[in-house]
Amino acid sequence: MSPLTVIAPERLKSAEKTTSTFKLGELFCGPGGLALGAIQAKIEKKGIVYNIEHEWASDYDLNSCKTYARNISRHSESVICRDVRTLRIEDLPSIDAFAYGFPCNDFSLVGKQKGFDGGKFI
């Protein structure tokens, strides 16, 4: 079995390759750090370039949602800004990849630092 090869972005543009794109759904997306890494990652194996693109994301913090929409999403309506407990996952577009950030408000230095006692991660 051959190892996966990470492709430099400038090489991708010049090469004629088959592309396989996975659509990403994300909960607790924050400002988009996980998505940024995911959409910048490109892997080539046996002449196929695999990549990930944003499909939908959710967070309840308005500023995080605005940042995510500006930096990651090409269509702001795909960033859902509300409590995850009110989402109807079955109503969201289908995805091939799923990611979630650890809800960090109780653990962040900018939060109240209540840790596991804060309850926002539940």
Protein backbone atom coordinates (compact mmCIF):
# COMPACT_ATOMS: atom_id res chain seq x y z
CA MET A 1 0.00 0.00 0.00
CA SER A 2 1.46 3.37 -0.96
CA PRO A 3 1.44 6.30 1.49
CA LEU A 4 -0.79 9.33 0.96
CA THR A 5 0.88 12.38 -0.56
CA VAL A 6 0.12 15.94 0.53
CA ILE A 7 -0.08 18.20 -2.53
CA ALA A 8 1.13 21.80 -2.61
CA PRO A 9 -1.71 24.09 -3.82
CA GLU A 10 0.35 25.42 -6.76
CA ARG A 11 0.87 21.86 -8.02
CA LEU A 12 -2.86 21.15 -7.94
CA LYS A 13 -3.64 23.98 -10.34
CA SER A 14 -1.16 22.85 -12.96
CA ALA A 15 -1.92 19.14 -12.84
CA GLU A 16 -4.88 17.57 -14.57
CA LYS A 17 -6.25 15.29 -11.89
CA THR A 18 -9.54 13.69 -10.99
CA THR A 19 -11.02 15.35 -7.90
CA SER A 20 -13.22 13.79 -5.25
CA THR A 21 -14.85 16.34 -2.94
CA PHE A 22 -16.36 15.56 0.44
CA LYS A 23 -19.02 17.90 1.85
CA LEU A 24 -18.42 18.94 5.47
CA GLY A 25 -21.02 19.48 8.18
CA GLU A 26 -19.86 20.94 11.48
CA LEU A 27 -21.36 21.46 14.93
CA PHE A 28 -19.90 23.86 17.51
CA CYS A 29 -17.98 25.39 14.61
CA GLY A 30 -16.71 28.50 16.42
CA PRO A 31 -14.97 30.90 14.03
CA GLY A 32 -13.94 28.05 11.72
CA GLY A 33 -10.53 26.73 12.72
CA LEU A 34 -11.39 23.07 12.09
CA ALA A 35 -13.05 23.88 8.77
CA LEU A 36 -10.13 26.03 7.64
CA GLY A 37 -7.72 23.15 8.17
CA ALA A 38 -10.08 20.70 6.49
CA ILE A 39 -10.71 22.79 3.36
CA GLN A 40 -7.02 23.59 2.96
CA ALA A 41 -6.05 19.90 3.13
CA LYS A 42 -5.69 18.16 -0.20
CA ILE A 43 -4.57 14.54 -0.50
CA GLU A 44 -3.66 12.67 -3.67
CA LYS A 45 -3.77 8.91 -4.01
CA LYS A 46 -3.60 6.98 -7.27
CA GLY A 47 -4.18 10.10 -9.37
CA ILE A 48 -7.25 11.28 -7.44
CA VAL A 49 -7.11 14.49 -5.44
CA TYR A 50 -9.36 14.33 -2.37
CA ASN A 51 -10.58 17.53 -0.76
CA ILE A 52 -13.25 18.86 1.58
CA GLU A 53 -15.66 21.75 1.11
CA HIS A 54 -18.03 23.44 3.54
CA GLU A 55 -21.70 22.41 3.35
CA TRP A 56 -23.16 23.65 6.65
CA ALA A 57 -22.03 24.64 10.13
CA SER A 58 -23.66 25.58 13.43
CA ASP A 59 -22.71 27.55 16.52
CA TYR A 60 -24.71 29.67 18.95
CA ASP A 61 -22.30 32.59 19.24
CA LEU A 62 -23.21 35.35 16.75
CA ASN A 63 -19.67 36.69 16.35
CA SER A 64 -18.31 33.19 15.74
CA CYS A 65 -21.00 32.59 13.12
CA LYS A 66 -20.24 35.89 11.37
CA THR A 67 -16.52 35.10 11.33
CA TYR A 68 -17.14 31.59 10.02
CA ALA A 69 -19.47 32.89 7.31
CA ARG A 70 -16.95 35.48 6.18
CA ASN A 71 -13.90 33.22 6.19
CA ILE A 72 -15.21 29.76 5.33
CA SER A 73 -18.68 29.76 3.78
CA ARG A 74 -19.47 31.01 0.30
CA HIS A 75 -23.14 31.27 1.28
CA SER A 76 -23.89 32.72 4.72
CA GLU A 77 -27.24 30.93 5.07
CA SER A 78 -25.28 27.69 5.45
CA VAL A 79 -23.97 28.91 8.83
CA ILE A 80 -26.74 28.29 11.35
CA CYS A 81 -26.47 30.49 14.42
CA ARG A 82 -28.53 28.94 17.22
CA ASP A 83 -28.52 26.41 20.00
CA VAL A 84 -27.54 23.01 18.63
CA ARG A 85 -30.36 21.39 20.60
CA THR A 86 -32.88 23.12 18.30
CA LEU A 87 -31.32 21.84 15.06
CA ARG A 88 -33.15 19.27 13.02
CA ILE A 89 -30.21 17.41 11.54
CA GLU A 90 -32.49 15.55 9.15
CA ASP A 91 -33.44 18.89 7.53
CA LEU A 92 -29.84 19.86 6.76
CA PRO A 93 -28.18 19.06 3.42
CA SER A 94 -26.48 15.68 3.29
CA ILE A 95 -22.76 15.53 4.05
CA ASP A 96 -19.85 13.16 3.56
CA ALA A 97 -17.71 14.36 6.49
CA PHE A 98 -18.62 15.53 9.99
CA ALA A 99 -16.59 17.56 12.47
CA TYR A 100 -17.35 19.18 15.78
CA GLY A 101 -15.47 21.51 18.04
CA PHE A 102 -15.40 21.02 21.74
CA PRO A 103 -17.79 23.65 23.17
CA CYS A 104 -15.12 25.69 24.91
CA ASN A 105 -16.87 28.69 26.49
CA ASP A 106 -16.49 27.25 29.97
CA PHE A 107 -12.86 26.36 29.29
CA SER A 108 -11.71 29.42 27.33
CA LEU A 109 -9.64 32.18 28.86
CA VAL A 110 -12.22 34.64 27.49
CA GLY A 111 -15.06 32.76 29.18
CA LYS A 112 -15.95 32.47 32.86
CA GLN A 113 -13.57 29.51 33.26
CA LYS A 114 -16.09 27.30 35.06
CA GLY A 115 -14.72 24.18 33.39
CA PHE A 116 -16.89 21.08 33.64
CA ASP A 117 -19.05 22.82 36.25
CA GLY A 118 -20.25 25.39 33.70
CA GLY A 119 -22.59 22.98 31.92
CA LYS A 120 -22.40 24.60 28.46
CA PHE A 121 -20.58 21.63 26.99
CA ILE A 122 -23.43 19.22 27.81
